[in-house]
Amino acid sequence: MEKFAKFIFKLFGWKITGDFPKQYKKLVILEAPHTSNLDYFIGMMCIYASGVKVNVIIKKEAFFWPFAGLLKKAGGIPIDRKGSTSKVDAIANLFKTHETLNLGITPEGTRSLAKKWKKGYYYIALKANVPILLASIDYKKKAGHFGPVIFPTGDYEKDFVQIEKYYRGIHARYPEKYNLSPMYLEEKKNK
C-alpha cells in the first residue's frame, strides 16, 4: 500500500511534509481540515505513503457482508454506538486491547461548517494516555503534513491553543466550511 500511495500522491502533484513519528506505537491522529469527501482519501494516502497503518472508527452497522472484510482491511474498527459505555470510553478502551493503534479522527465531525470542534478526540487521548499527532492537508500547497505531537494535560482550553495555532493558515478544499473555534469564526466575520 505504501508504494501505491506514494505513486498516487506524486501522480496528482501532492507531497508529504514532516515525518510521521514512528517511535509511538499508539496515537490519536487529528486529521483536519475535513470539508469534503476527498479529504479522507488524501489524508489516508498521506499516512499510507509514510508506511504506517491507520485505523478509523466506523459504526458497527456498516460491517455487513460483503463490505465487512473490506472495511476491516482498510483499517475500519467497528464500534457499538448504542451500548451503555460512552463512545469516548469505548474508543479509549481500544487502546488497551491493541499493541499498536494509530487512530485517525476528524475533529470537526462533519464536512459542513462546524461552529466548534468536537472534543472527543482529546478525551479519548487523555483517557487512553496516548499522545495526539496533529496532521493536516493543505490544498493551496498540495501537501499532507505531519505536525507536532502533543500530550494532553487535562486542560483542554490550554492545549487547544497549541492545536489551533498549528491549524491556522491551513487551506481547506472548501475554506468557507473550515473553522477552528467560535473565536476564529468571529475573527473571520470581522475582517
C-alpha atoms as a PDB file:
ATOM      1  CA  MET A   1       0.000   0.000   0.000  1.00  0.00           C
ATOM      2  CA  GLU A   2       2.909   2.360   0.746  1.00  0.00           C
ATOM      3  CA  LYS A   3       4.236   2.329  -2.834  1.00  0.00           C
ATOM      4  CA  PHE A   4       0.751   2.718  -4.293  1.00  0.00           C
ATOM      5  CA  ALA A   5       0.011   5.689  -2.013  1.00  0.00           C
ATOM      6  CA  LYS A   6       3.314   7.375  -2.915  1.00  0.00           C
ATOM      7  CA  PHE A   7       2.550   6.854  -6.609  1.00  0.00           C
ATOM      8  CA  ILE A   8      -0.948   8.385  -6.272  1.00  0.00           C
ATOM      9  CA  PHE A   9       0.434  11.368  -4.341  1.00  0.00           C
ATOM     10  CA  LYS A  10       3.117  12.013  -6.961  1.00  0.00           C
ATOM     11  CA  LEU A  11       0.717  11.455  -9.869  1.00  0.00           C
ATOM     12  CA  PHE A  12      -1.591  14.233  -8.633  1.00  0.00           C
ATOM     13  CA  GLY A  13       1.233  16.606  -7.683  1.00  0.00           C
ATOM     14  CA  TRP A  14       0.894  16.256  -3.905  1.00  0.00           C
ATOM     15  CA  LYS A  15       3.767  15.970  -1.448  1.00  0.00           C
ATOM     16  CA  ILE A  16       4.244  14.954   2.168  1.00  0.00           C
ATOM     17  CA  THR A  17       5.975  17.297   4.585  1.00  0.00           C
ATOM     18  CA  GLY A  18       7.047  16.444   8.088  1.00  0.00           C
ATOM     19  CA  ASP A  19       7.761  12.957   9.372  1.00  0.00           C
ATOM     20  CA  PHE A  20       5.346  10.508  10.887  1.00  0.00           C
ATOM     21  CA  PRO A  21       6.572   9.906  14.470  1.00  0.00           C
ATOM     22  CA  LYS A  22       7.088   6.143  14.237  1.00  0.00           C
ATOM     23  CA  GLN A  23       8.560   5.984  17.743  1.00  0.00           C
ATOM     24  CA  TYR A  24       4.995   5.946  19.128  1.00  0.00           C
ATOM     25  CA  LYS A  25       3.054   2.696  18.969  1.00  0.00           C
ATOM     26  CA  LYS A  26      -0.226   4.378  19.840  1.00  0.00           C
ATOM     27  CA  LEU A  27      -1.507   7.757  18.639  1.00  0.00           C
ATOM     28  CA  VAL A  28      -4.695   9.686  18.147  1.00  0.00           C
ATOM     29  CA  ILE A  29      -4.148  11.312  14.750  1.00  0.00           C
ATOM     30  CA  LEU A  30      -6.057  14.560  14.368  1.00  0.00           C
ATOM     31  CA  GLU A  31      -6.877  14.912  10.662  1.00  0.00           C
ATOM     32  CA  ALA A  32      -8.049  18.356   9.549  1.00  0.00           C
ATOM     33  CA  PRO A  33      -9.440  20.176   7.708  1.00  0.00           C
ATOM     34  CA  HIS A  34     -12.357  17.956   6.732  1.00  0.00           C
ATOM     35  CA  THR A  35     -14.549  19.874   4.283  1.00  0.00           C
ATOM     36  CA  SER A  36     -15.012  17.264   1.520  1.00  0.00           C
ATOM     37  CA  ASN A  37     -15.043  13.507   0.955  1.00  0.00           C
ATOM     38  CA  LEU A  38     -11.722  13.899  -0.859  1.00  0.00           C
ATOM     39  CA  ASP A  39     -10.052  14.968   2.410  1.00  0.00           C
ATOM     40  CA  TYR A  40     -10.404  11.470   3.840  1.00  0.00           C
ATOM     41  CA  PHE A  41      -8.823   9.888   0.768  1.00  0.00           C
ATOM     42  CA  ILE A  42      -5.910  12.342   0.691  1.00  0.00           C
ATOM     43  CA  GLY A  43      -5.313  12.040   4.433  1.00  0.00           C
ATOM     44  CA  MET A  44      -5.280   8.245   4.283  1.00  0.00           C
ATOM     45  CA  MET A  45      -2.963   8.223   1.264  1.00  0.00           C
ATOM     46  CA  CYS A  46      -0.593  10.545   3.136  1.00  0.00           C
ATOM     47  CA  ILE A  47      -0.462   8.195   6.117  1.00  0.00           C
ATOM     48  CA  TYR A  48      -0.180   5.061   3.965  1.00  0.00           C
ATOM     49  CA  ALA A  49       2.625   6.684   1.935  1.00  0.00           C
ATOM     50  CA  SER A  50       4.514   7.063   5.198  1.00  0.00           C
ATOM     51  CA  GLY A  51       4.399   3.301   5.691  1.00  0.00           C
ATOM     52  CA  VAL A  52       2.071   3.445   8.677  1.00  0.00           C
ATOM     53  CA  LYS A  53      -1.144   1.542   9.290  1.00  0.00           C
ATOM     54  CA  VAL A  54      -4.008   3.750  10.429  1.00  0.00           C
ATOM     55  CA  ASN A  55      -7.405   2.833  11.792  1.00  0.00           C
ATOM     56  CA  VAL A  56     -10.703   4.684  11.830  1.00  0.00           C
ATOM     57  CA  ILE A  57     -13.833   4.130  13.886  1.00  0.00           C
ATOM     58  CA  ILE A  58     -16.926   3.143  11.910  1.00  0.00           C
ATOM     59  CA  LYS A  59     -20.367   2.353  13.271  1.00  0.00           C
ATOM     60  CA  LYS A  60     -20.788  -1.414  13.608  1.00  0.00           C
ATOM     61  CA  GLU A  61     -23.907  -1.364  11.422  1.00  0.00           C
ATOM     62  CA  ALA A  62     -21.677  -0.688   8.392  1.00  0.00           C
ATOM     63  CA  PHE A  63     -19.896  -4.010   8.866  1.00  0.00           C
ATOM     64  CA  PHE A  64     -22.143  -6.318   6.874  1.00  0.00           C
ATOM     65  CA  TRP A  65     -21.400  -8.692   4.027  1.00  0.00           C
ATOM     66  CA  PRO A  66     -19.792  -8.088   1.548  1.00  0.00           C
ATOM     67  CA  PHE A  67     -18.290  -4.872   2.957  1.00  0.00           C
ATOM     68  CA  ALA A  68     -17.201  -6.029   6.431  1.00  0.00           C
ATOM     69  CA  GLY A  69     -13.950  -7.613   5.205  1.00  0.00           C
ATOM     70  CA  LEU A  70     -13.080  -4.602   3.051  1.00  0.00           C
ATOM     71  CA  LEU A  71     -13.730  -2.141   5.877  1.00  0.00           C
ATOM     72  CA  LYS A  72     -11.540  -4.123   8.275  1.00  0.00           C
ATOM     73  CA  LYS A  73      -8.759  -4.435   5.685  1.00  0.00           C
ATOM     74  CA  ALA A  74      -8.908  -0.657   5.166  1.00  0.00           C
ATOM     75  CA  GLY A  75      -8.411  -0.128   8.905  1.00  0.00           C
ATOM     76  CA  GLY A  76     -12.025   0.188  10.000  1.00  0.00           C
ATOM     77  CA  ILE A  77     -12.821  -0.744  13.590  1.00  0.00           C
ATOM     78  CA  PRO A  78     -16.499  -1.330  14.377  1.00  0.00           C
ATOM     79  CA  ILE A  79     -17.963   0.443  17.388  1.00  0.00           C
ATOM     80  CA  ASP A  80     -21.330  -0.044  19.022  1.00  0.00           C
ATOM     81  CA  ARG A  81     -22.810   3.428  19.434  1.00  0.00           C
ATOM     82  CA  LYS A  82     -25.865   2.140  21.298  1.00  0.00           C
ATOM     83  CA  GLY A  83     -24.182   0.427  24.262  1.00  0.00           C
ATOM     84  CA  SER A  84     -24.160   1.698  27.828  1.00  0.00           C
ATOM     85  CA  THR A  85     -20.476   2.672  27.612  1.00  0.00           C
ATOM     86  CA  SER A  86     -19.803   6.180  26.317  1.00  0.00           C
ATOM     87  CA  LYS A  87     -18.222   6.402  22.874  1.00  0.00           C
ATOM     88  CA  VAL A  88     -15.170   8.127  24.352  1.00  0.00           C
ATOM     89  CA  ASP A  89     -14.691   5.339  26.920  1.00  0.00           C
ATOM     90  CA  ALA A  90     -15.290   2.599  24.343  1.00  0.00           C
ATOM     91  CA  ILE A  91     -12.731   4.078  21.948  1.00  0.00           C
ATOM     92  CA  ALA A  92     -10.200   4.788  24.718  1.00  0.00           C
ATOM     93  CA  ASN A  93     -10.530   1.127  25.766  1.00  0.00           C
ATOM     94  CA  LEU A  94      -9.485   0.061  22.244  1.00  0.00           C
ATOM     95  CA  PHE A  95      -6.003   1.361  23.010  1.00  0.00           C
ATOM     96  CA  LYS A  96      -5.780  -1.140  25.887  1.00  0.00           C
ATOM     97  CA  THR A  97      -6.635  -4.073  23.630  1.00  0.00           C
ATOM     98  CA  HIS A  98      -4.259  -3.232  20.761  1.00  0.00           C
ATOM     99  CA  GLU A  99      -0.474  -3.398  20.868  1.00  0.00           C
ATOM    100  CA  THR A 100      -0.258  -0.784  18.115  1.00  0.00           C
ATOM    101  CA  LEU A 101      -3.042   1.640  17.235  1.00  0.00           C
ATOM    102  CA  ASN A 102      -2.930   4.815  15.148  1.00  0.00           C
ATOM    103  CA  LEU A 103      -6.458   6.133  15.234  1.00  0.00           C
ATOM    104  CA  GLY A 104      -7.409   8.814  12.713  1.00  0.00           C
ATOM    105  CA  ILE A 105     -10.121  11.232  13.859  1.00  0.00           C
ATOM    106  CA  THR A 106     -11.614  14.278  12.136  1.00  0.00           C
ATOM    107  CA  PRO A 107     -12.387  16.712  14.974  1.00  0.00           C
ATOM    108  CA  GLU A 108     -14.897  18.750  13.006  1.00  0.00           C
ATOM    109  CA  GLY A 109     -17.221  15.736  12.938  1.00  0.00           C
ATOM    110  CA  THR A 110     -18.795  16.877   9.661  1.00  0.00           C
ATOM    111  CA  ARG A 111     -17.869  18.140   6.211  1.00  0.00           C
ATOM    112  CA  SER A 112     -20.204  21.109   6.729  1.00  0.00           C
ATOM    113  CA  LEU A 113     -19.179  24.203   8.657  1.00  0.00           C
ATOM    114  CA  ALA A 114     -18.823  23.294  12.330  1.00  0.00           C
ATOM    115  CA  LYS A 115     -19.031  26.233  14.717  1.00  0.00           C
ATOM    116  CA  LYS A 116     -16.655  24.411  17.042  1.00  0.00           C
ATOM    117  CA  TRP A 117     -14.655  21.220  17.015  1.00  0.00           C
ATOM    118  CA  LYS A 118     -15.847  18.186  18.917  1.00  0.00           C
ATOM    119  CA  LYS A 119     -13.707  17.401  21.969  1.00  0.00           C
ATOM    120  CA  GLY A 120     -13.997  13.600  21.895  1.00  0.00           C
ATOM    121  CA  TYR A 121     -10.560  13.100  20.280  1.00  0.00           C
ATOM    122  CA  TYR A 122      -8.973  14.968  23.190  1.00  0.00           C
ATOM    123  CA  TYR A 123     -10.691  12.976  25.915  1.00  0.00           C
ATOM    124  CA  ILE A 124     -10.006   9.695  24.094  1.00  0.00           C
ATOM    125  CA  ALA A 125      -6.276  10.517  24.089  1.00  0.00           C
ATOM    126  CA  LEU A 126      -6.407  11.681  27.710  1.00  0.00           C
ATOM    127  CA  LYS A 127      -8.236   8.573  28.975  1.00  0.00           C
ATOM    128  CA  ALA A 128      -6.080   6.209  26.889  1.00  0.00           C
ATOM    129  CA  ASN A 129      -2.912   8.071  27.958  1.00  0.00           C
ATOM    130  CA  VAL A 130      -1.711   8.419  24.368  1.00  0.00           C
ATOM    131  CA  PRO A 131      -0.338  11.450  22.505  1.00  0.00           C
ATOM    132  CA  ILE A 132      -2.109  13.352  19.737  1.00  0.00           C
ATOM    133  CA  LEU A 133      -0.427  13.792  16.348  1.00  0.00           C
ATOM    134  CA  LEU A 134      -1.527  16.948  14.537  1.00  0.00           C
ATOM    135  CA  ALA A 135      -1.855  16.182  10.815  1.00  0.00           C
ATOM    136  CA  SER A 136      -3.229  18.351   8.036  1.00  0.00           C
ATOM    137  CA  ILE A 137      -3.876  18.534   4.331  1.00  0.00           C
ATOM    138  CA  ASP A 138      -3.357  21.871   2.621  1.00  0.00           C
ATOM    139  CA  TYR A 139      -4.952  22.288  -0.804  1.00  0.00           C
ATOM    140  CA  LYS A 140      -3.087  25.515  -1.621  1.00  0.00           C
ATOM    141  CA  LYS A 141       0.317  23.866  -1.022  1.00  0.00           C
ATOM    142  CA  LYS A 142      -0.924  20.436  -2.236  1.00  0.00           C
ATOM    143  CA  ALA A 143       0.680  18.896   0.817  1.00  0.00           C
ATOM    144  CA  GLY A 144      -0.149  16.418   3.522  1.00  0.00           C
ATOM    145  CA  HIS A 145       1.706  17.433   6.661  1.00  0.00           C
ATOM    146  CA  PHE A 146       2.628  15.675   9.884  1.00  0.00           C
ATOM    147  CA  GLY A 147       2.993  18.293  12.570  1.00  0.00           C
ATOM    148  CA  PRO A 148       3.841  18.153  16.236  1.00  0.00           C
ATOM    149  CA  VAL A 149       2.849  15.530  18.766  1.00  0.00           C
ATOM    150  CA  ILE A 150       1.145  16.909  21.851  1.00  0.00           C
ATOM    151  CA  PHE A 151       0.440  15.203  25.144  1.00  0.00           C
ATOM    152  CA  PRO A 152      -2.935  16.176  26.607  1.00  0.00           C
ATOM    153  CA  THR A 153      -2.569  17.763  30.032  1.00  0.00           C
ATOM    154  CA  GLY A 154      -6.232  17.634  31.031  1.00  0.00           C
ATOM    155  CA  ASP A 155      -6.613  21.384  30.466  1.00  0.00           C
ATOM    156  CA  TYR A 156      -8.454  21.387  27.140  1.00  0.00           C
ATOM    157  CA  GLU A 157      -8.529  25.163  26.699  1.00  0.00           C
ATOM    158  CA  LYS A 158      -4.783  25.474  27.242  1.00  0.00           C
ATOM    159  CA  ASP A 159      -3.949  22.554  24.951  1.00  0.00           C
ATOM    160  CA  PHE A 160      -6.363  23.753  22.264  1.00  0.00           C
ATOM    161  CA  VAL A 161      -4.383  26.992  21.961  1.00  0.00           C
ATOM    162  CA  GLN A 162      -1.446  24.885  20.708  1.00  0.00           C
ATOM    163  CA  ILE A 163      -3.704  22.841  18.421  1.00  0.00           C
ATOM    164  CA  GLU A 164      -5.379  25.935  16.978  1.00  0.00           C
ATOM    165  CA  LYS A 165      -2.004  27.583  16.385  1.00  0.00           C
ATOM    166  CA  TYR A 166      -0.877  24.624  14.260  1.00  0.00           C
ATOM    167  CA  TYR A 167      -4.056  24.529  12.143  1.00  0.00           C
ATOM    168  CA  ARG A 168      -4.319  28.274  11.472  1.00  0.00           C
ATOM    169  CA  GLY A 169      -3.301  29.079   7.919  1.00  0.00           C
ATOM    170  CA  ILE A 170      -4.092  25.607   6.559  1.00  0.00           C
ATOM    171  CA  HIS A 171      -6.084  25.891   3.334  1.00  0.00           C
ATOM    172  CA  ALA A 172      -9.122  23.617   3.121  1.00  0.00           C
ATOM    173  CA  ARG A 173     -10.649  22.457  -0.132  1.00  0.00           C
ATOM    174  CA  TYR A 174     -13.741  24.491   0.801  1.00  0.00           C
ATOM    175  CA  PRO A 175     -12.436  27.308   3.028  1.00  0.00           C
ATOM    176  CA  GLU A 176     -15.946  28.560   3.816  1.00  0.00           C
ATOM    177  CA  LYS A 177     -16.577  25.245   5.643  1.00  0.00           C
ATOM    178  CA  TYR A 178     -13.372  25.293   7.700  1.00  0.00           C
ATOM    179  CA  ASN A 179     -13.383  26.650  11.227  1.00  0.00           C
ATOM    180  CA  LEU A 180     -11.264  26.059  14.304  1.00  0.00           C
ATOM    181  CA  SER A 181     -13.279  27.648  17.096  1.00  0.00           C
ATOM    182  CA  PRO A 182     -16.063  30.154  17.698  1.00  0.00           C
ATOM    183  CA  MET A 183     -13.407  32.818  18.334  1.00  0.00           C
ATOM    184  CA  TYR A 184     -11.831  32.125  14.938  1.00  0.00           C
ATOM    185  CA  LEU A 185     -15.230  32.344  13.244  1.00  0.00           C
ATOM    186  CA  GLU A 186     -15.838  35.774  14.797  1.00  0.00           C
ATOM    187  CA  GLU A 187     -12.404  36.967  13.644  1.00  0.00           C
ATOM    188  CA  LYS A 188     -13.197  35.891  10.083  1.00  0.00           C
ATOM    189  CA  LYS A 189     -16.536  37.755  10.159  1.00  0.00           C
ATOM    190  CA  ASN A 190     -14.916  40.971  11.387  1.00  0.00           C
ATOM    191  CA  LYS A 191     -12.317  41.102   8.583  1.00  0.00           C
END
